[in-house]
Protein backbone atom coordinates (compact mmCIF):
# COMPACT_ATOMS: atom_id res chain seq x y z
CA MET A 1 -122.37 -229.72 130.45
CA GLU A 2 -121.84 -226.02 131.00
CA ALA A 3 -123.31 -223.78 128.31
CA LEU A 4 -120.21 -221.98 127.04
CA ARG A 5 -122.11 -219.21 125.30
CA ASP A 6 -124.37 -216.32 126.23
CA THR A 7 -126.93 -217.29 123.57
CA ILE A 8 -128.93 -220.31 124.74
CA VAL A 9 -132.19 -222.09 124.02
CA THR A 10 -134.20 -223.00 127.10
CA VAL A 11 -136.57 -225.96 126.97
CA ASP A 12 -139.12 -226.51 129.72
CA LEU A 13 -139.50 -230.28 130.06
CA GLY A 14 -142.33 -229.86 132.55
CA ARG A 15 -144.37 -228.05 129.93
CA ILE A 16 -143.64 -230.73 127.32
CA GLY A 17 -144.81 -233.41 129.76
CA ARG A 18 -147.99 -231.52 130.56
CA ASN A 19 -148.67 -230.95 126.87
CA MET A 20 -148.32 -234.67 126.20
CA ASP A 21 -150.70 -235.47 129.05
CA LYS A 22 -153.27 -233.02 127.68
CA ILE A 23 -153.00 -234.51 124.18
CA ARG A 24 -153.43 -238.03 125.51
CA ASN A 25 -156.43 -236.95 127.58
CA MET A 26 -157.97 -235.27 124.54
CA VAL A 27 -157.70 -238.32 122.26
CA GLY A 28 -158.52 -240.91 124.93
CA PRO A 29 -156.97 -244.19 126.04
CA ASP A 30 -157.72 -246.10 122.82
CA VAL A 31 -155.65 -243.79 120.61
CA ALA A 32 -151.85 -244.10 120.59
CA VAL A 33 -149.87 -240.85 120.57
CA MET A 34 -146.74 -240.77 118.40
CA PRO A 35 -145.00 -237.41 118.95
CA VAL A 36 -143.07 -236.14 115.96
CA ILE A 37 -139.62 -234.89 116.96
CA LYS A 38 -138.02 -234.43 113.56
CA ALA A 39 -135.72 -231.46 112.83
CA ASN A 40 -133.90 -231.94 116.13
CA GLY A 41 -137.15 -232.06 118.08
CA TYR A 42 -138.49 -228.89 116.42
CA GLY A 43 -135.35 -227.16 117.61
CA CYS A 44 -135.66 -228.36 121.21
CA GLY A 45 -133.11 -231.17 120.89
CA ALA A 46 -134.59 -234.58 120.10
CA VAL A 47 -132.29 -236.56 122.39
CA GLY A 48 -132.83 -234.16 125.27
CA ILE A 49 -136.64 -234.21 125.16
CA ALA A 50 -137.10 -237.90 124.36
CA PRO A 51 -137.08 -239.19 127.98
CA THR A 52 -139.90 -236.79 128.91
CA LEU A 53 -141.98 -238.02 125.97
CA MET A 54 -141.32 -241.63 126.95
CA GLU A 55 -142.35 -240.96 130.53
CA HIS A 56 -145.58 -239.40 129.32
CA GLY A 57 -146.75 -242.25 127.14
CA ALA A 58 -145.27 -241.85 123.66
CA ALA A 59 -146.05 -244.98 121.64
CA TYR A 60 -143.25 -244.12 119.24
CA LEU A 61 -140.73 -241.36 118.66
CA ALA A 62 -141.24 -240.22 115.05
CA VAL A 63 -138.58 -238.55 112.92
CA ALA A 64 -138.22 -237.66 109.25
CA THR A 65 -134.86 -239.17 108.31
CA LEU A 66 -132.64 -242.16 108.89
CA THR A 67 -129.91 -239.98 110.41
CA GLU A 68 -132.37 -238.59 112.95
CA ALA A 69 -133.47 -242.13 113.78
CA ILE A 70 -129.89 -243.31 114.29
CA GLU A 71 -129.22 -240.42 116.69
CA LEU A 72 -132.16 -241.53 118.84
CA ARG A 73 -131.25 -245.22 118.62
CA ASN A 74 -127.71 -244.50 119.81
CA ALA A 75 -129.11 -242.70 122.84
CA TYR A 76 -132.07 -245.01 123.53
CA PRO A 77 -131.32 -248.52 122.23
CA ASP A 78 -134.71 -250.09 122.86
CA TYR A 79 -137.37 -247.42 122.31
CA PRO A 80 -139.57 -247.64 119.18
CA VAL A 81 -138.50 -245.14 116.51
CA PHE A 82 -140.56 -244.40 113.39
CA ILE A 83 -139.14 -242.92 110.16
CA LEU A 84 -141.82 -240.84 108.46
CA GLY A 85 -139.80 -239.96 105.38
CA HIS A 86 -138.27 -241.87 102.48
CA THR A 87 -135.13 -243.90 103.10
CA PRO A 88 -133.40 -244.69 99.78
CA ALA A 89 -132.89 -248.36 98.93
CA ARG A 90 -129.11 -248.15 99.32
CA PHE A 91 -129.54 -247.23 103.01
CA LEU A 92 -132.23 -249.76 103.96
CA GLU A 93 -129.69 -252.08 105.57
CA HIS A 94 -129.38 -249.47 108.33
CA VAL A 95 -133.15 -249.51 108.82
CA VAL A 96 -133.10 -253.25 109.47
CA ASP A 97 -129.99 -253.11 111.66
CA GLY A 98 -131.42 -250.22 113.68
CA ARG A 99 -134.80 -251.95 114.16
CA PHE A 100 -136.60 -248.85 112.94
CA THR A 101 -140.17 -248.82 111.74
CA GLN A 102 -139.99 -247.53 108.18
CA THR A 103 -142.51 -245.80 105.95
CA VAL A 104 -142.75 -247.62 102.61
CA ILE A 105 -143.99 -245.49 99.74
CA ASP A 106 -144.50 -247.86 96.79
CA TYR A 107 -143.99 -251.47 95.76
CA ASP A 108 -140.37 -251.09 94.62
CA HIS A 109 -139.43 -249.41 97.89
CA ALA A 110 -141.22 -252.06 99.95
CA LYS A 111 -139.70 -254.90 97.90
CA ALA A 112 -136.19 -253.52 98.40
CA LEU A 113 -136.70 -253.41 102.17
CA SER A 114 -138.25 -256.88 102.18
CA ASP A 115 -135.25 -258.27 100.31
CA VAL A 116 -132.79 -256.70 102.75
CA ALA A 117 -134.69 -258.05 105.74
CA LEU A 118 -134.92 -261.57 104.30
CA ALA A 119 -131.19 -261.56 103.54
CA LYS A 120 -130.60 -260.80 107.21
CA GLY A 121 -133.01 -263.51 108.34
CA THR A 122 -135.59 -261.16 109.81
CA LYS A 123 -138.58 -258.97 108.99
CA ALA A 124 -138.71 -255.19 108.84
CA THR A 125 -141.59 -253.42 110.55
CA VAL A 126 -143.29 -250.94 108.23
CA HIS A 127 -146.29 -248.69 107.79
CA LEU A 128 -147.76 -248.37 104.30
CA LYS A 129 -147.96 -244.77 103.08
CA MET A 130 -151.06 -244.01 101.04
CA ASP A 131 -151.26 -240.89 98.92
CA THR A 132 -154.79 -239.58 99.41
CA GLY A 133 -154.17 -236.28 97.65
CA PHE A 134 -151.21 -234.57 99.30
CA HIS A 135 -149.04 -235.93 96.45
CA ARG A 136 -145.83 -235.95 98.45
CA LEU A 137 -145.11 -239.61 99.27
CA GLY A 138 -147.07 -242.83 98.91
CA THR A 139 -149.28 -244.57 96.39
CA SER A 140 -153.02 -244.23 95.81
CA ASP A 141 -153.28 -247.67 94.15
CA LYS A 142 -155.07 -250.13 96.46
CA GLU A 143 -153.75 -253.11 94.48
CA GLU A 144 -150.21 -251.85 94.89
CA LEU A 145 -150.76 -251.43 98.63
CA LEU A 146 -152.01 -255.01 98.80
CA LYS A 147 -148.92 -256.29 96.97
CA MET A 148 -146.75 -254.36 99.40
CA ALA A 149 -148.58 -255.82 102.38
CA LYS A 150 -148.01 -259.38 101.12
CA LEU A 151 -144.22 -259.14 100.85
CA PRO A 152 -142.58 -261.87 102.96
CA GLY A 153 -139.87 -259.76 104.57
CA LEU A 154 -142.22 -257.15 106.01
CA ASN A 155 -144.18 -256.93 109.23
CA VAL A 156 -146.88 -254.52 108.09
CA GLU A 157 -147.82 -252.89 111.37
CA GLY A 158 -149.74 -249.90 110.07
CA ILE A 159 -151.10 -247.76 107.28
CA PHE A 160 -151.33 -243.97 107.14
CA SER A 161 -151.72 -240.84 105.09
CA HIS A 162 -151.31 -237.09 105.52
CA LEU A 163 -153.85 -234.32 105.10
CA ALA A 164 -153.33 -231.31 102.85
CA LEU A 165 -155.72 -229.29 105.08
CA ALA A 166 -156.93 -227.40 102.01
CA SER A 167 -160.61 -227.35 102.98
CA GLU A 168 -163.03 -229.32 105.13
CA GLN A 169 -164.38 -231.13 102.09
CA ASP A 170 -160.88 -232.03 100.89
CA ASP A 171 -159.98 -233.28 104.36
CA TRP A 172 -163.01 -235.54 104.47
CA ASP A 173 -162.32 -236.78 100.94
CA GLN A 174 -158.79 -237.74 101.97
CA TYR A 175 -159.95 -239.44 105.16
CA ASN A 176 -162.65 -241.40 103.34
CA MET A 177 -160.17 -242.47 100.68
CA LEU A 178 -157.88 -243.91 103.34
CA CYS A 179 -160.78 -245.66 105.07
CA ASP A 180 -161.91 -247.16 101.76
CA ALA A 181 -158.42 -248.53 101.11
CA ILE A 182 -158.22 -249.99 104.63
CA ASP A 183 -161.57 -251.72 104.14
CA TYR A 184 -160.33 -253.20 100.87
CA LEU A 185 -157.03 -254.38 102.34
CA GLU A 186 -158.65 -255.87 105.42
CA ALA A 187 -161.17 -257.69 103.23
CA ASN A 188 -158.17 -259.22 101.49
CA GLY A 189 -156.55 -260.54 104.64
CA CYS A 190 -154.48 -257.60 105.88
CA THR A 191 -154.50 -256.53 109.51
CA PHE A 192 -153.15 -253.28 110.91
CA LYS A 193 -152.22 -252.51 114.48
CA TYR A 194 -152.11 -248.79 113.73
CA LYS A 195 -154.08 -246.56 111.36
CA HIS A 196 -153.38 -242.83 111.31
CA ILE A 197 -153.90 -239.62 109.39
CA ALA A 198 -154.23 -236.91 112.06
CA ASP A 199 -151.49 -234.38 112.78
CA SER A 200 -151.45 -231.61 115.39
CA ILE A 201 -154.19 -229.61 113.67
CA SER A 202 -156.55 -232.36 112.56
CA LEU A 203 -156.43 -234.36 115.79
CA GLY A 204 -158.18 -231.41 117.40
CA ASP A 205 -160.38 -230.14 114.59
CA TYR A 206 -161.52 -233.58 113.42
CA PRO A 207 -162.04 -236.02 116.31
CA GLU A 208 -163.37 -238.51 113.73
CA PHE A 209 -159.94 -238.64 112.07
CA ARG A 210 -158.04 -239.86 115.12
CA MET A 211 -158.46 -243.55 114.16
CA ASN A 212 -156.22 -245.36 116.67
CA MET A 213 -153.05 -243.26 116.39
CA VAL A 214 -152.25 -239.55 116.09
CA ARG A 215 -149.04 -237.73 115.16
CA PRO A 216 -148.75 -234.44 117.07
CA GLY A 217 -145.72 -232.32 116.27
CA ALA A 218 -145.97 -228.60 117.03
CA LEU A 219 -148.72 -229.28 119.56
CA VAL A 220 -146.27 -231.15 121.78
CA PHE A 221 -144.18 -227.99 121.95
CA GLY A 222 -147.11 -225.77 122.84
CA LEU A 223 -147.90 -224.33 119.41
CA THR A 224 -151.46 -224.63 118.10
CA SER A 225 -153.19 -223.90 114.80
CA PHE A 226 -156.65 -225.28 115.53
CA SER A 227 -159.56 -223.62 113.77
CA ARG A 228 -162.30 -225.24 115.88
CA ALA A 229 -160.75 -227.10 118.80
CA HIS A 230 -158.97 -225.76 121.88
CA LEU A 231 -156.25 -227.29 124.04
CA ASP A 232 -154.50 -225.31 126.73
CA VAL A 233 -150.91 -226.26 125.85
CA GLU A 234 -147.86 -224.24 126.91
CA GLN A 235 -145.00 -223.00 124.74
CA CYS A 236 -141.99 -224.93 125.95
CA MET A 237 -139.14 -223.14 124.20
CA GLY A 238 -137.44 -219.84 124.91
CA MET A 239 -134.25 -218.24 123.63
CA GLN A 240 -132.11 -215.60 125.24
CA THR A 241 -128.73 -213.96 125.06
CA ARG A 242 -126.75 -211.20 126.79
CA ILE A 243 -125.54 -207.78 125.73
CA SER A 244 -121.91 -207.85 124.57
CA GLN A 245 -121.29 -204.14 124.15
CA ILE A 246 -123.16 -200.82 124.06
CA HIS A 247 -122.28 -197.98 121.68
CA GLU A 248 -123.35 -194.37 122.14
CA ILE A 249 -124.02 -192.93 118.69
CA LYS A 250 -125.11 -189.55 117.39
CA ALA A 251 -128.20 -188.75 115.35
CA GLY A 252 -127.49 -189.46 111.67
CA GLU A 253 -124.92 -192.17 112.28
CA GLY A 254 -125.52 -195.56 110.66
CA VAL A 255 -125.43 -199.08 112.04
CA SER A 256 -124.34 -202.31 110.35
CA TYR A 257 -123.85 -203.08 106.65
CA ASP A 258 -124.63 -200.36 104.10
CA TYR A 259 -125.94 -198.07 106.86
CA LEU A 260 -129.47 -199.11 105.92
CA TRP A 261 -130.50 -197.91 109.38
CA LYS A 262 -129.48 -194.49 110.62
CA ALA A 263 -130.24 -193.05 114.03
CA GLN A 264 -132.99 -190.42 114.12
CA ARG A 265 -131.74 -189.28 117.53
CA ASP A 266 -128.75 -189.75 119.78
CA SER A 267 -129.00 -193.45 120.62
CA ARG A 268 -127.60 -196.31 122.65
CA ILE A 269 -127.05 -199.37 120.45
CA ALA A 270 -126.40 -202.76 122.03
CA THR A 271 -124.74 -205.66 120.26
CA VAL A 272 -125.91 -209.19 121.15
CA PRO A 273 -124.25 -212.46 120.04
CA VAL A 274 -127.07 -214.02 118.02
CA GLY A 275 -127.42 -213.97 114.25
CA TYR A 276 -128.93 -215.72 111.29
CA ALA A 277 -126.45 -218.58 111.66
CA ASP A 278 -128.26 -219.36 114.90
CA GLY A 279 -131.58 -219.44 113.06
CA TYR A 280 -132.81 -215.93 113.80
CA PRO A 281 -134.69 -214.74 110.69
CA ARG A 282 -132.61 -212.26 108.71
CA ASN A 283 -135.73 -210.52 107.45
CA MET A 284 -136.54 -209.38 111.01
CA ARG A 285 -134.35 -206.33 110.36
CA ASP A 286 -136.06 -203.17 111.58
CA LYS A 287 -139.21 -205.04 112.66
CA GLY A 288 -138.08 -207.54 115.28
CA TYR A 289 -137.14 -206.78 118.85
CA LEU A 290 -135.47 -208.28 121.91
CA THR A 291 -136.64 -207.63 125.45
CA VAL A 292 -134.28 -206.08 128.00
CA HIS A 293 -135.53 -205.38 131.53
CA GLY A 294 -139.09 -205.77 130.24
CA VAL A 295 -138.60 -203.16 127.50
CA LYS A 296 -139.02 -203.99 123.81
CA CYS A 297 -135.74 -203.01 122.14
CA PRO A 298 -136.02 -203.02 118.33
CA THR A 299 -133.47 -204.64 116.07
CA VAL A 300 -131.63 -202.08 113.94
CA GLY A 301 -129.53 -202.44 110.82
CA VAL A 302 -128.79 -205.48 108.72
CA LEU A 303 -128.62 -208.64 110.82
CA CYS A 304 -125.21 -210.31 110.78
CA MET A 305 -124.37 -214.00 110.70
CA ASP A 306 -123.35 -214.14 114.36
CA GLN A 307 -124.56 -210.87 115.89
CA LEU A 308 -127.30 -208.28 115.69
CA MET A 309 -127.85 -204.84 117.12
CA ILE A 310 -130.75 -203.51 119.16
CA ASP A 311 -131.72 -199.99 120.17
CA VAL A 312 -131.70 -199.75 123.99
CA THR A 313 -132.14 -195.97 124.14
CA ASP A 314 -135.51 -196.36 125.85
CA CYS A 315 -134.03 -198.78 128.37
CA PRO A 316 -131.53 -196.54 130.16
CA GLU A 317 -130.70 -199.19 132.77
CA ALA A 318 -129.42 -201.61 130.09
CA LYS A 319 -125.75 -202.44 130.51
CA GLU A 320 -123.24 -204.90 129.14
CA GLY A 321 -123.90 -208.45 130.38
CA ASP A 322 -127.65 -207.91 130.87
CA ALA A 323 -130.04 -210.60 129.62
CA ALA A 324 -131.86 -209.96 126.36
CA ILE A 325 -134.84 -212.21 125.62
CA ILE A 326 -135.05 -213.30 121.98
CA TYR A 327 -138.13 -215.52 122.28
CA GLY A 328 -140.33 -215.77 125.34
CA ASP A 329 -143.90 -216.85 125.92
CA GLY A 330 -145.39 -213.44 125.25
CA SER A 331 -145.46 -212.32 128.87
CA GLY A 332 -143.35 -209.42 130.13
CA ASN A 333 -143.18 -207.79 126.69
CA THR A 334 -141.34 -210.80 125.24
CA MET A 335 -141.81 -212.03 121.68
CA SER A 336 -143.68 -215.33 121.49
CA ILE A 337 -143.00 -217.87 118.75
CA PRO A 338 -146.34 -217.07 117.02
CA GLU A 339 -145.51 -213.35 117.02
CA ALA A 340 -142.06 -214.05 115.59
CA ALA A 341 -143.62 -216.14 112.83
CA LYS A 342 -146.02 -213.35 111.95
CA LEU A 343 -143.27 -210.73 111.82
CA ALA A 344 -141.01 -212.99 109.74
CA GLY A 345 -143.81 -213.92 107.35
CA THR A 346 -143.56 -217.64 107.99
CA ASN A 347 -145.15 -220.31 110.19
CA LYS A 348 -144.43 -221.19 113.80
CA ASN A 349 -142.81 -224.52 112.95
CA GLU A 350 -140.17 -222.88 110.79
CA ILE A 351 -139.21 -220.40 113.49
CA ILE A 352 -138.29 -223.11 115.98
CA ALA A 353 -137.06 -225.75 113.51
CA ARG A 354 -134.60 -223.31 111.96
CA ILE A 355 -132.79 -222.73 115.29
CA LEU A 356 -129.51 -224.49 114.66
CA SER A 357 -127.56 -226.65 117.07
CA ARG A 358 -125.01 -223.89 117.80
CA PRO A 359 -126.89 -222.34 120.74
CA PRO A 360 -126.66 -224.76 123.69
CA ARG A 361 -129.94 -226.26 124.89
CA VAL A 362 -130.63 -225.83 128.56
CA TYR A 363 -133.34 -228.13 129.96
CA VAL A 364 -135.41 -227.04 132.92
CA LYS A 365 -138.36 -228.44 134.82
């Protein structure tokens, strides 16, 4: 479908495929890779990137919510989809009907899903969520986990936890707590196809934590936060727009709401059709920039919902209709996702996850 807007998000599927291959090579053939593509595939478009992940060996496609799972199921009827988050009891019928693998967080939640599955004459595939200290979802009670595992309407395929990544000692304490629970459950007759605790960071920094499944998220998209490991992944996402109009203004004139920015010299100010409703951080005012003809052109004035202004005075060749790079890979004076995160005072994941669906996604290889 034609992208009917100047502001687009480009997604390099070749880079995603290579990143997946590098992750699988790092963890080895005995460790399943379950890429996490929640939040619309970290802004890349979950449905659009899913075939590449399938082709490159994804054991599952993992999402956070039931609605995200349903979107993938409608597009890919037979591929395994894992729901990492909590699905309330009143919606569990959709989990069974959609053949999703569901995280179960305590006995009541597991019992509700078991009852729904039995009423439909089937079993629901689940992974038990153990709280090892993150204190977000799950239970730390081994006896409760055992009761959950024994419910008749559940196919208990796996068990997992999530690291807080507070310190090396805390990480090891969490890992050992999960291992201790698995030992207890297996001694009491439970078997697990999958055991997992490692995310993008810990699968690199702690090879011991890989167990037999890992859950890379940002790493799939070329964003790393390792402290000890290294993997040569490539940023797969870019974002660009085009100049709508250029205004010639005099020194002392203001731009945008409240005239919080005023020109210190005669200036050329370009308007581009991207704003905070597209996910561009509003606090990038007067510190962000877009790249035009290889020149960094700073944002000026208060960012608007649908548009922002940049100073193209130092790019005299800039004209209406020219491309303006919002996010690049850091080459050619473009702003990379990590640089954007630093300027906005947030993390890399938020920068790309906050890009809304309004800009069309354009997939390239």
